[in-house]
Full PDB file with SEQRES, HELIX, SHEET, SSBOND, CRYST1, ORIGX, SCALE, CONECT and MASTER records, all heavy atoms in Angstrom:
SEQRES   1 A   40  ASP ALA LYS ILE ARG ASP PHE ALA TYR SER ALA ALA GLY          
SEQRES   2 A   40  LYS ALA LYS ILE VAL GLU PHE GLU GLY ASN PHE ASP ASP          
SEQRES   3 A   40  PRO GLY MET ALA SER ARG LEU PRO ILE LYS PHE SER ASN          
SEQRES   4 A   40  ALA                                                          
SHEET    1 AA1 2 LYS A   3  ALA A   8  0                                        
SHEET    2 AA1 2 LYS A  14  GLU A  19 -1                                        
SHEET    1 AA2 2 PHE A  24  ASP A  26  0                                        
SHEET    2 AA2 2 ILE A  35  PHE A  37 -1                                        
CRYST1    1.000    1.000    1.000  90.00  90.00  90.00 P 1           1          
ORIGX1      1.000000  0.000000  0.000000        0.00000                         
ORIGX2      0.000000  1.000000  0.000000        0.00000                         
ORIGX3      0.000000  0.000000  1.000000        0.00000                         
SCALE1      1.000000  0.000000  0.000000        0.00000                         
SCALE2      0.000000  1.000000  0.000000        0.00000                         
SCALE3      0.000000  0.000000  1.000000        0.00000                         
ATOM      1  N   ASP A   1     135.323 112.503 204.383  1.00  0.00           N  
ATOM      2  CA  ASP A   1     133.966 112.765 203.921  1.00  0.00           C  
ATOM      3  C   ASP A   1     133.914 113.202 202.385  1.00  0.00           C  
ATOM      4  O   ASP A   1     132.853 113.338 201.841  1.00  0.00           O  
ATOM      5  CB  ASP A   1     133.420 114.023 204.663  1.00  0.00           C  
ATOM      6  CG  ASP A   1     133.267 113.692 206.155  1.00  0.00           C  
ATOM      7  OD1 ASP A   1     132.548 112.734 206.485  1.00  0.00           O  
ATOM      8  OD2 ASP A   1     133.938 114.365 207.020  1.00  0.00           O  
ATOM      9  N   ALA A   2     135.093 113.198 201.740  1.00  0.00           N  
ATOM     10  CA  ALA A   2     135.156 113.534 200.386  1.00  0.00           C  
ATOM     11  C   ALA A   2     134.815 112.439 199.505  1.00  0.00           C  
ATOM     12  O   ALA A   2     135.155 111.222 199.800  1.00  0.00           O  
ATOM     13  CB  ALA A   2     136.575 114.064 200.017  1.00  0.00           C  
ATOM     14  N   LYS A   3     134.182 112.746 198.340  1.00  0.00           N  
ATOM     15  CA  LYS A   3     134.004 111.716 197.266  1.00  0.00           C  
ATOM     16  C   LYS A   3     135.036 112.131 196.185  1.00  0.00           C  
ATOM     17  O   LYS A   3     134.870 113.227 195.560  1.00  0.00           O  
ATOM     18  CB  LYS A   3     132.572 111.800 196.727  1.00  0.00           C  
ATOM     19  CG  LYS A   3     131.544 111.390 197.764  1.00  0.00           C  
ATOM     20  CD  LYS A   3     130.153 111.592 197.161  1.00  0.00           C  
ATOM     21  CE  LYS A   3     129.054 111.214 198.256  1.00  0.00           C  
ATOM     22  NZ  LYS A   3     127.705 111.376 197.719  1.00  0.00           N  
ATOM     23  N   ILE A   4     135.981 111.208 195.973  1.00  0.00           N  
ATOM     24  CA  ILE A   4     137.008 111.579 194.938  1.00  0.00           C  
ATOM     25  C   ILE A   4     136.876 110.540 193.773  1.00  0.00           C  
ATOM     26  O   ILE A   4     136.806 109.363 194.023  1.00  0.00           O  
ATOM     27  CB  ILE A   4     138.379 111.436 195.669  1.00  0.00           C  
ATOM     28  CG1 ILE A   4     138.526 112.395 196.827  1.00  0.00           C  
ATOM     29  CG2 ILE A   4     139.474 111.882 194.660  1.00  0.00           C  
ATOM     30  CD1 ILE A   4     139.734 112.239 197.664  1.00  0.00           C  
ATOM     31  N   ARG A   5     137.096 111.125 192.583  1.00  0.00           N  
ATOM     32  CA  ARG A   5     137.113 110.305 191.462  1.00  0.00           C  
ATOM     33  C   ARG A   5     138.000 110.864 190.362  1.00  0.00           C  
ATOM     34  O   ARG A   5     138.297 112.103 190.395  1.00  0.00           O  
ATOM     35  CB  ARG A   5     135.622 110.142 190.858  1.00  0.00           C  
ATOM     36  CG  ARG A   5     134.978 111.471 190.444  1.00  0.00           C  
ATOM     37  CD  ARG A   5     133.444 111.241 190.219  1.00  0.00           C  
ATOM     38  NE  ARG A   5     132.817 112.505 190.021  1.00  0.00           N  
ATOM     39  CZ  ARG A   5     132.464 113.040 188.919  1.00  0.00           C  
ATOM     40  NH1 ARG A   5     132.894 112.547 187.741  1.00  0.00           N  
ATOM     41  NH2 ARG A   5     131.729 114.185 188.835  1.00  0.00           N  
ATOM     42  N   ASP A   6     138.496 110.009 189.468  1.00  0.00           N  
ATOM     43  CA  ASP A   6     139.244 110.448 188.331  1.00  0.00           C  
ATOM     44  C   ASP A   6     138.268 110.807 187.136  1.00  0.00           C  
ATOM     45  O   ASP A   6     137.215 110.075 187.013  1.00  0.00           O  
ATOM     46  CB  ASP A   6     140.279 109.384 187.762  1.00  0.00           C  
ATOM     47  CG  ASP A   6     141.410 109.178 188.833  1.00  0.00           C  
ATOM     48  OD1 ASP A   6     141.760 110.221 189.466  1.00  0.00           O  
ATOM     49  OD2 ASP A   6     141.928 108.123 188.940  1.00  0.00           O  
ATOM     50  N   PHE A   7     138.590 111.805 186.391  1.00  0.00           N  
ATOM     51  CA  PHE A   7     137.663 112.152 185.274  1.00  0.00           C  
ATOM     52  C   PHE A   7     138.606 112.418 184.071  1.00  0.00           C  
ATOM     53  O   PHE A   7     139.485 113.296 184.133  1.00  0.00           O  
ATOM     54  CB  PHE A   7     136.959 113.387 185.657  1.00  0.00           C  
ATOM     55  CG  PHE A   7     136.044 113.898 184.539  1.00  0.00           C  
ATOM     56  CD1 PHE A   7     134.766 113.344 184.425  1.00  0.00           C  
ATOM     57  CD2 PHE A   7     136.380 115.009 183.710  1.00  0.00           C  
ATOM     58  CE1 PHE A   7     133.900 113.771 183.404  1.00  0.00           C  
ATOM     59  CE2 PHE A   7     135.587 115.435 182.697  1.00  0.00           C  
ATOM     60  CZ  PHE A   7     134.263 114.823 182.522  1.00  0.00           C  
ATOM     61  N   ALA A   8     138.276 111.614 182.951  1.00  0.00           N  
ATOM     62  CA  ALA A   8     139.039 111.901 181.673  1.00  0.00           C  
ATOM     63  C   ALA A   8     138.421 113.017 180.961  1.00  0.00           C  
ATOM     64  O   ALA A   8     137.307 112.887 180.382  1.00  0.00           O  
ATOM     65  CB  ALA A   8     139.048 110.612 180.941  1.00  0.00           C  
ATOM     66  N   TYR A   9     139.061 114.168 180.946  1.00  0.00           N  
ATOM     67  CA  TYR A   9     138.503 115.312 180.191  1.00  0.00           C  
ATOM     68  C   TYR A   9     138.938 115.267 178.686  1.00  0.00           C  
ATOM     69  O   TYR A   9     138.405 115.951 177.876  1.00  0.00           O  
ATOM     70  CB  TYR A   9     138.958 116.602 180.825  1.00  0.00           C  
ATOM     71  CG  TYR A   9     140.416 116.970 180.887  1.00  0.00           C  
ATOM     72  CD1 TYR A   9     141.052 117.514 179.806  1.00  0.00           C  
ATOM     73  CD2 TYR A   9     141.140 116.641 181.993  1.00  0.00           C  
ATOM     74  CE1 TYR A   9     142.450 117.763 179.868  1.00  0.00           C  
ATOM     75  CE2 TYR A   9     142.534 116.834 182.130  1.00  0.00           C  
ATOM     76  CZ  TYR A   9     143.102 117.508 181.028  1.00  0.00           C  
ATOM     77  OH  TYR A   9     144.472 117.770 181.054  1.00  0.00           O  
ATOM     78  N   SER A  10     139.987 114.430 178.365  1.00  0.00           N  
ATOM     79  CA  SER A  10     140.356 114.264 176.956  1.00  0.00           C  
ATOM     80  C   SER A  10     140.963 112.882 176.881  1.00  0.00           C  
ATOM     81  O   SER A  10     141.229 112.100 177.901  1.00  0.00           O  
ATOM     82  CB  SER A  10     141.357 115.349 176.527  1.00  0.00           C  
ATOM     83  OG  SER A  10     142.614 115.119 177.210  1.00  0.00           O  
ATOM     84  N   ALA A  11     141.358 112.526 175.642  1.00  0.00           N  
ATOM     85  CA  ALA A  11     142.026 111.152 175.454  1.00  0.00           C  
ATOM     86  C   ALA A  11     143.302 111.074 176.291  1.00  0.00           C  
ATOM     87  O   ALA A  11     143.728 109.967 176.598  1.00  0.00           O  
ATOM     88  CB  ALA A  11     142.226 110.915 173.973  1.00  0.00           C  
ATOM     89  N   ALA A  12     143.969 112.223 176.455  1.00  0.00           N  
ATOM     90  CA  ALA A  12     145.275 112.167 177.095  1.00  0.00           C  
ATOM     91  C   ALA A  12     145.307 112.841 178.471  1.00  0.00           C  
ATOM     92  O   ALA A  12     146.362 112.797 179.098  1.00  0.00           O  
ATOM     93  CB  ALA A  12     146.316 112.864 176.066  1.00  0.00           C  
ATOM     94  N   GLY A  13     144.194 113.435 178.821  1.00  0.00           N  
ATOM     95  CA  GLY A  13     144.233 114.143 180.081  1.00  0.00           C  
ATOM     96  C   GLY A  13     143.220 113.692 181.194  1.00  0.00           C  
ATOM     97  O   GLY A  13     142.084 113.319 180.758  1.00  0.00           O  
ATOM     98  N   LYS A  14     143.679 113.663 182.327  1.00  0.00           N  
ATOM     99  CA  LYS A  14     142.794 113.239 183.434  1.00  0.00           C  
ATOM    100  C   LYS A  14     142.783 114.304 184.551  1.00  0.00           C  
ATOM    101  O   LYS A  14     143.839 114.929 184.833  1.00  0.00           O  
ATOM    102  CB  LYS A  14     143.226 111.930 184.072  1.00  0.00           C  
ATOM    103  CG  LYS A  14     142.748 110.719 183.230  1.00  0.00           C  
ATOM    104  CD  LYS A  14     143.068 109.502 184.064  1.00  0.00           C  
ATOM    105  CE  LYS A  14     142.575 108.184 183.358  1.00  0.00           C  
ATOM    106  NZ  LYS A  14     142.854 106.958 184.032  1.00  0.00           N  
ATOM    107  N   ALA A  15     141.618 114.564 185.157  1.00  0.00           N  
ATOM    108  CA  ALA A  15     141.511 115.472 186.224  1.00  0.00           C  
ATOM    109  C   ALA A  15     141.088 114.671 187.501  1.00  0.00           C  
ATOM    110  O   ALA A  15     140.446 113.593 187.380  1.00  0.00           O  
ATOM    111  CB  ALA A  15     140.458 116.605 185.892  1.00  0.00           C  
ATOM    112  N   LYS A  16     141.397 115.184 188.648  1.00  0.00           N  
ATOM    113  CA  LYS A  16     140.810 114.606 189.829  1.00  0.00           C  
ATOM    114  C   LYS A  16     139.597 115.542 190.272  1.00  0.00           C  
ATOM    115  O   LYS A  16     139.726 116.754 190.332  1.00  0.00           O  
ATOM    116  CB  LYS A  16     141.832 114.572 190.918  1.00  0.00           C  
ATOM    117  CG  LYS A  16     142.715 113.352 190.897  1.00  0.00           C  
ATOM    118  CD  LYS A  16     143.510 113.237 192.206  1.00  0.00           C  
ATOM    119  CE  LYS A  16     144.374 111.889 192.205  1.00  0.00           C  
ATOM    120  NZ  LYS A  16     143.478 110.707 192.099  1.00  0.00           N  
ATOM    121  N   ILE A  17     138.534 114.881 190.548  1.00  0.00           N  
ATOM    122  CA  ILE A  17     137.330 115.658 191.064  1.00  0.00           C  
ATOM    123  C   ILE A  17     136.993 115.223 192.493  1.00  0.00           C  
ATOM    124  O   ILE A  17     136.968 113.955 192.754  1.00  0.00           O  
ATOM    125  CB  ILE A  17     136.098 115.401 190.114  1.00  0.00           C  
ATOM    126  CG1 ILE A  17     136.442 115.956 188.725  1.00  0.00           C  
ATOM    127  CG2 ILE A  17     134.844 116.007 190.731  1.00  0.00           C  
ATOM    128  CD1 ILE A  17     135.249 115.801 187.800  1.00  0.00           C  
ATOM    129  N   VAL A  18     136.776 116.239 193.339  1.00  0.00           N  
ATOM    130  CA  VAL A  18     136.373 115.974 194.727  1.00  0.00           C  
ATOM    131  C   VAL A  18     135.084 116.715 194.994  1.00  0.00           C  
ATOM    132  O   VAL A  18     134.797 117.734 194.503  1.00  0.00           O  
ATOM    133  CB  VAL A  18     137.550 116.402 195.701  1.00  0.00           C  
ATOM    134  CG1 VAL A  18     137.811 117.886 195.586  1.00  0.00           C  
ATOM    135  CG2 VAL A  18     137.136 116.115 197.132  1.00  0.00           C  
ATOM    136  N   GLU A  19     134.197 115.999 195.772  1.00  0.00           N  
ATOM    137  CA  GLU A  19     132.973 116.539 196.120  1.00  0.00           C  
ATOM    138  C   GLU A  19     132.726 116.496 197.635  1.00  0.00           C  
ATOM    139  O   GLU A  19     133.048 115.526 198.217  1.00  0.00           O  
ATOM    140  CB  GLU A  19     131.781 115.835 195.373  1.00  0.00           C  
ATOM    141  CG  GLU A  19     131.869 115.912 193.866  1.00  0.00           C  
ATOM    142  CD  GLU A  19     130.608 115.233 193.151  1.00  0.00           C  
ATOM    143  OE1 GLU A  19     129.636 115.024 193.905  1.00  0.00           O  
ATOM    144  OE2 GLU A  19     130.713 114.964 192.046  1.00  0.00           O  
ATOM    145  N   PHE A  20     132.158 117.571 198.219  1.00  0.00           N  
ATOM    146  CA  PHE A  20     131.787 117.635 199.616  1.00  0.00           C  
ATOM    147  C   PHE A  20     130.285 118.173 199.652  1.00  0.00           C  
ATOM    148  O   PHE A  20     129.857 118.950 198.785  1.00  0.00           O  
ATOM    149  CB  PHE A  20     132.660 118.570 200.420  1.00  0.00           C  
ATOM    150  CG  PHE A  20     134.047 118.126 200.693  1.00  0.00           C  
ATOM    151  CD1 PHE A  20     135.114 118.610 199.817  1.00  0.00           C  
ATOM    152  CD2 PHE A  20     134.352 117.230 201.677  1.00  0.00           C  
ATOM    153  CE1 PHE A  20     136.413 118.215 200.058  1.00  0.00           C  
ATOM    154  CE2 PHE A  20     135.654 116.858 201.906  1.00  0.00           C  
ATOM    155  CZ  PHE A  20     136.659 117.321 201.155  1.00  0.00           C  
ATOM    156  N   GLU A  21     129.637 117.715 200.675  1.00  0.00           N  
ATOM    157  CA  GLU A  21     128.288 118.251 200.946  1.00  0.00           C  
ATOM    158  C   GLU A  21     128.186 118.662 202.391  1.00  0.00           C  
ATOM    159  O   GLU A  21     128.744 117.972 203.250  1.00  0.00           O  
ATOM    160  CB  GLU A  21     127.239 117.226 200.538  1.00  0.00           C  
ATOM    161  CG  GLU A  21     127.090 116.999 199.069  1.00  0.00           C  
ATOM    162  CD  GLU A  21     125.923 116.095 198.651  1.00  0.00           C  
ATOM    163  OE1 GLU A  21     125.206 115.710 199.634  1.00  0.00           O  
ATOM    164  OE2 GLU A  21     125.787 115.893 197.478  1.00  0.00           O  
ATOM    165  N   GLY A  22     127.526 119.756 202.647  1.00  0.00           N  
ATOM    166  CA  GLY A  22     127.358 120.288 204.012  1.00  0.00           C  
ATOM    167  C   GLY A  22     127.110 121.806 204.011  1.00  0.00           C  
ATOM    168  O   GLY A  22     126.626 122.325 202.979  1.00  0.00           O  
ATOM    169  N   ASN A  23     127.567 122.443 205.040  1.00  0.00           N  
ATOM    170  CA  ASN A  23     127.466 123.916 205.050  1.00  0.00           C  
ATOM    171  C   ASN A  23     128.824 124.461 204.667  1.00  0.00           C  
ATOM    172  O   ASN A  23     129.856 123.995 205.176  1.00  0.00           O  
ATOM    173  CB  ASN A  23     127.136 124.432 206.409  1.00  0.00           C  
ATOM    174  CG  ASN A  23     125.700 123.971 206.843  1.00  0.00           C  
ATOM    175  OD1 ASN A  23     124.825 123.896 206.055  1.00  0.00           O  
ATOM    176  ND2 ASN A  23     125.530 123.648 208.160  1.00  0.00           N  
ATOM    177  N   PHE A  24     128.831 125.436 203.773  1.00  0.00           N  
ATOM    178  CA  PHE A  24     130.122 125.975 203.191  1.00  0.00           C  
ATOM    179  C   PHE A  24     130.257 127.302 203.802  1.00  0.00           C  
ATOM    180  O   PHE A  24     129.422 128.268 203.866  1.00  0.00           O  
ATOM    181  CB  PHE A  24     129.986 126.101 201.673  1.00  0.00           C  
ATOM    182  CG  PHE A  24     131.278 126.676 201.008  1.00  0.00           C  
ATOM    183  CD1 PHE A  24     132.358 125.900 200.769  1.00  0.00           C  
ATOM    184  CD2 PHE A  24     131.307 128.035 200.739  1.00  0.00           C  
ATOM    185  CE1 PHE A  24     133.498 126.480 200.165  1.00  0.00           C  
ATOM    186  CE2 PHE A  24     132.432 128.559 200.097  1.00  0.00           C  
ATOM    187  CZ  PHE A  24     133.557 127.778 199.846  1.00  0.00           C  
ATOM    188  N   ASP A  25     131.602 127.573 204.241  1.00  0.00           N  
ATOM    189  CA  ASP A  25     131.958 128.875 204.743  1.00  0.00           C  
ATOM    190  C   ASP A  25     133.409 129.189 204.399  1.00  0.00           C  
ATOM    191  O   ASP A  25     134.330 128.616 204.987  1.00  0.00           O  
ATOM    192  CB  ASP A  25     131.752 128.886 206.339  1.00  0.00           C  
ATOM    193  CG  ASP A  25     132.041 130.226 206.976  1.00  0.00           C  
ATOM    194  OD1 ASP A  25     132.323 131.169 206.224  1.00  0.00           O  
ATOM    195  OD2 ASP A  25     131.946 130.334 208.179  1.00  0.00           O  
ATOM    196  N   ASP A  26     133.502 130.080 203.481  1.00  0.00           N  
ATOM    197  CA  ASP A  26     134.904 130.586 203.093  1.00  0.00           C  
ATOM    198  C   ASP A  26     135.103 131.947 203.683  1.00  0.00           C  
ATOM    199  O   ASP A  26     134.301 132.879 203.242  1.00  0.00           O  
ATOM    200  CB  ASP A  26     134.997 130.584 201.513  1.00  0.00           C  
ATOM    201  CG  ASP A  26     136.362 131.114 201.073  1.00  0.00           C  
ATOM    202  OD1 ASP A  26     137.182 131.482 201.953  1.00  0.00           O  
ATOM    203  OD2 ASP A  26     136.548 131.187 199.870  1.00  0.00           O  
ATOM    204  N   PRO A  27     135.913 132.131 204.636  1.00  0.00           N  
ATOM    205  CA  PRO A  27     136.120 133.472 205.213  1.00  0.00           C  
ATOM    206  C   PRO A  27     136.624 134.600 204.348  1.00  0.00           C  
ATOM    207  O   PRO A  27     136.671 135.732 204.704  1.00  0.00           O  
ATOM    208  CB  PRO A  27     137.062 133.240 206.337  1.00  0.00           C  
ATOM    209  CG  PRO A  27     137.839 132.015 205.939  1.00  0.00           C  
ATOM    210  CD  PRO A  27     136.847 131.219 205.191  1.00  0.00           C  
ATOM    211  N   GLY A  28     137.079 134.182 203.122  1.00  0.00           N  
ATOM    212  CA  GLY A  28     137.506 135.152 202.168  1.00  0.00           C  
ATOM    213  C   GLY A  28     138.962 135.457 202.138  1.00  0.00           C  
ATOM    214  O   GLY A  28     139.436 136.382 201.512  1.00  0.00           O  
ATOM    215  N   MET A  29     139.771 134.622 202.904  1.00  0.00           N  
ATOM    216  CA  MET A  29     141.211 134.951 202.967  1.00  0.00           C  
ATOM    217  C   MET A  29     141.845 134.830 201.636  1.00  0.00           C  
ATOM    218  O   MET A  29     142.758 135.647 201.241  1.00  0.00           O  
ATOM    219  CB  MET A  29     141.866 133.964 203.939  1.00  0.00           C  
ATOM    220  CG  MET A  29     141.408 134.207 205.363  1.00  0.00           C  
ATOM    221  SD  MET A  29     142.288 133.038 206.447  1.00  0.00           S  
ATOM    222  CE  MET A  29     143.996 133.646 206.425  1.00  0.00           C  
ATOM    223  N   ALA A  30     141.428 133.836 200.804  1.00  0.00           N  
ATOM    224  CA  ALA A  30     141.976 133.737 199.491  1.00  0.00           C  
ATOM    225  C   ALA A  30     141.251 134.631 198.374  1.00  0.00           C  
ATOM    226  O   ALA A  30     141.791 135.267 197.569  1.00  0.00           O  
ATOM    227  CB  ALA A  30     142.006 132.276 199.064  1.00  0.00           C  
ATOM    228  N   SER A  31     139.873 134.541 198.597  1.00  0.00           N  
ATOM    229  CA  SER A  31     139.081 135.226 197.465  1.00  0.00           C  
ATOM    230  C   SER A  31     138.796 136.667 197.901  1.00  0.00           C  
ATOM    231  O   SER A  31     138.384 137.455 197.061  1.00  0.00           O  
ATOM    232  CB  SER A  31     137.711 134.483 197.474  1.00  0.00           C  
ATOM    233  OG  SER A  31     137.043 134.635 198.643  1.00  0.00           O  
ATOM    234  N   ARG A  32     139.125 137.149 199.125  1.00  0.00           N  
ATOM    235  CA  ARG A  32     138.884 138.408 199.561  1.00  0.00           C  
ATOM    236  C   ARG A  32     137.374 138.710 199.797  1.00  0.00           C  
ATOM    237  O   ARG A  32     137.015 139.708 200.277  1.00  0.00           O  
ATOM    238  CB  ARG A  32     139.419 139.549 198.691  1.00  0.00           C  
ATOM    239  CG  ARG A  32     140.906 139.396 198.403  1.00  0.00           C  
ATOM    240  CD  ARG A  32     141.452 140.518 197.530  1.00  0.00           C  
ATOM    241  NE  ARG A  32     142.716 140.326 197.009  1.00  0.00           N  
ATOM    242  CZ  ARG A  32     143.301 140.981 196.091  1.00  0.00           C  
ATOM    243  NH1 ARG A  32     142.670 141.945 195.533  1.00  0.00           N  
ATOM    244  NH2 ARG A  32     144.501 140.694 195.657  1.00  0.00           N  
ATOM    245  N   LEU A  33     136.603 137.707 199.453  1.00  0.00           N  
ATOM    246  CA  LEU A  33     135.086 137.911 199.648  1.00  0.00           C  
ATOM    247  C   LEU A  33     134.509 136.748 200.366  1.00  0.00           C  
ATOM    248  O   LEU A  33     134.535 135.642 199.855  1.00  0.00           O  
ATOM    249  CB  LEU A  33     134.396 137.993 198.188  1.00  0.00           C  
ATOM    250  CG  LEU A  33     134.967 139.168 197.313  1.00  0.00           C  
ATOM    251  CD1 LEU A  33     134.510 138.937 195.860  1.00  0.00           C  
ATOM    252  CD2 LEU A  33     134.410 140.466 197.824  1.00  0.00           C  
ATOM    253  N   PRO A  34     134.044 136.959 201.542  1.00  0.00           N  
ATOM    254  CA  PRO A  34     133.445 135.826 202.344  1.00  0.00           C  
ATOM    255  C   PRO A  34     132.262 135.288 201.678  1.00  0.00           C  
ATOM    256  O   PRO A  34     131.423 136.015 201.134  1.00  0.00           O  
ATOM    257  CB  PRO A  34     133.120 136.499 203.731  1.00  0.00           C  
ATOM    258  CG  PRO A  34     133.047 137.978 203.441  1.00  0.00           C  
ATOM    259  CD  PRO A  34     133.951 138.238 202.310  1.00  0.00           C  
ATOM    260  N   ILE A  35     132.056 133.961 201.647  1.00  0.00           N  
ATOM    261  CA  ILE A  35     130.952 133.292 200.993  1.00  0.00           C  
ATOM    262  C   ILE A  35     130.390 132.288 201.999  1.00  0.00           C  
ATOM    263  O   ILE A  35     131.286 131.424 202.522  1.00  0.00           O  
ATOM    264  CB  ILE A  35     131.354 132.607 199.678  1.00  0.00           C  
ATOM    265  CG1 ILE A  35     132.001 133.617 198.747  1.00  0.00           C  
ATOM    266  CG2 ILE A  35     130.169 131.972 199.040  1.00  0.00           C  
ATOM    267  CD1 ILE A  35     132.582 132.971 197.490  1.00  0.00           C  
ATOM    268  N   LYS A  36     129.157 132.218 202.180  1.00  0.00           N  
ATOM    269  CA  LYS A  36     128.485 131.206 203.010  1.00  0.00           C  
ATOM    270  C   LYS A  36     127.311 130.610 202.266  1.00  0.00           C  
ATOM    271  O   LYS A  36     126.508 131.297 201.674  1.00  0.00           O  
ATOM    272  CB  LYS A  36     128.092 131.760 204.326  1.00  0.00           C  
ATOM    273  CG  LYS A  36     129.204 132.128 205.284  1.00  0.00           C  
ATOM    274  CD  LYS A  36     128.643 132.604 206.626  1.00  0.00           C  
ATOM    275  CE  LYS A  36     129.781 132.941 207.614  1.00  0.00           C  
ATOM    276  NZ  LYS A  36     129.273 133.254 208.912  1.00  0.00           N  
ATOM    277  N   PHE A  37     127.137 129.245 202.399  1.00  0.00           N  
ATOM    278  CA  PHE A  37     126.049 128.511 201.888  1.00  0.00           C  
ATOM    279  C   PHE A  37     125.596 127.506 202.881  1.00  0.00           C  
ATOM    280  O   PHE A  37     126.520 126.725 203.338  1.00  0.00           O  
ATOM    281  CB  PHE A  37     126.249 127.924 200.571  1.00  0.00           C  
ATOM    282  CG  PHE A  37     126.427 128.777 199.339  1.00  0.00           C  
ATOM    283  CD1 PHE A  37     127.776 128.949 198.892  1.00  0.00           C  
ATOM    284  CD2 PHE A  37     125.431 129.463 198.826  1.00  0.00           C  
ATOM    285  CE1 PHE A  37     127.943 129.774 197.750  1.00  0.00           C  
ATOM    286  CE2 PHE A  37     125.692 130.355 197.691  1.00  0.00           C  
ATOM    287  CZ  PHE A  37     126.906 130.456 197.167  1.00  0.00           C  
ATOM    288  N   SER A  38     124.287 127.432 203.280  1.00  0.00           N  
ATOM    289  CA  SER A  38     123.845 126.295 203.975  1.00  0.00           C  
ATOM    290  C   SER A  38     123.335 125.243 203.076  1.00  0.00           C  
ATOM    291  O   SER A  38     122.942 125.555 201.947  1.00  0.00           O  
ATOM    292  CB  SER A  38     122.640 126.787 204.857  1.00  0.00           C  
ATOM    293  OG  SER A  38     123.116 127.722 205.833  1.00  0.00           O  
ATOM    294  N   ASN A  39     123.469 123.999 203.493  1.00  0.00           N  
ATOM    295  CA  ASN A  39     122.968 122.870 202.686  1.00  0.00           C  
ATOM    296  C   ASN A  39     123.675 123.073 201.193  1.00  0.00           C  
ATOM    297  O   ASN A  39     122.972 123.176 200.157  1.00  0.00           O  
ATOM    298  CB  ASN A  39     121.490 122.788 202.405  1.00  0.00           C  
ATOM    299  CG  ASN A  39     120.983 121.585 201.788  1.00  0.00           C  
ATOM    300  OD1 ASN A  39     121.774 120.522 201.688  1.00  0.00           O  
ATOM    301  ND2 ASN A  39     119.847 121.623 201.184  1.00  0.00           N  
ATOM    302  N   ALA A  40     124.994 122.998 201.229  1.00  0.00           N  
ATOM    303  CA  ALA A  40     125.712 123.336 200.072  1.00  0.00           C  
ATOM    304  C   ALA A  40     126.387 122.160 199.424  1.00  0.00           C  
ATOM    305  O   ALA A  40     126.517 121.048 200.079  1.00  0.00           O  
ATOM    306  CB  ALA A  40     126.802 124.375 200.264  1.00  0.00           C  
TER     307      ALA A  40                                                      
MASTER        0    0    0    0    4    0    0    6  306    1    0    4          
END                                                                             
């Protein structure tokens, strides 16, 4: 379900960008702060 693309942020550097759409739910294990968004 991911949309993945390469993105040239400079003449010599490339980043990978991934996008998802849906409901987001981070239980906070990494951030320590739970975050939820509907239609995110």
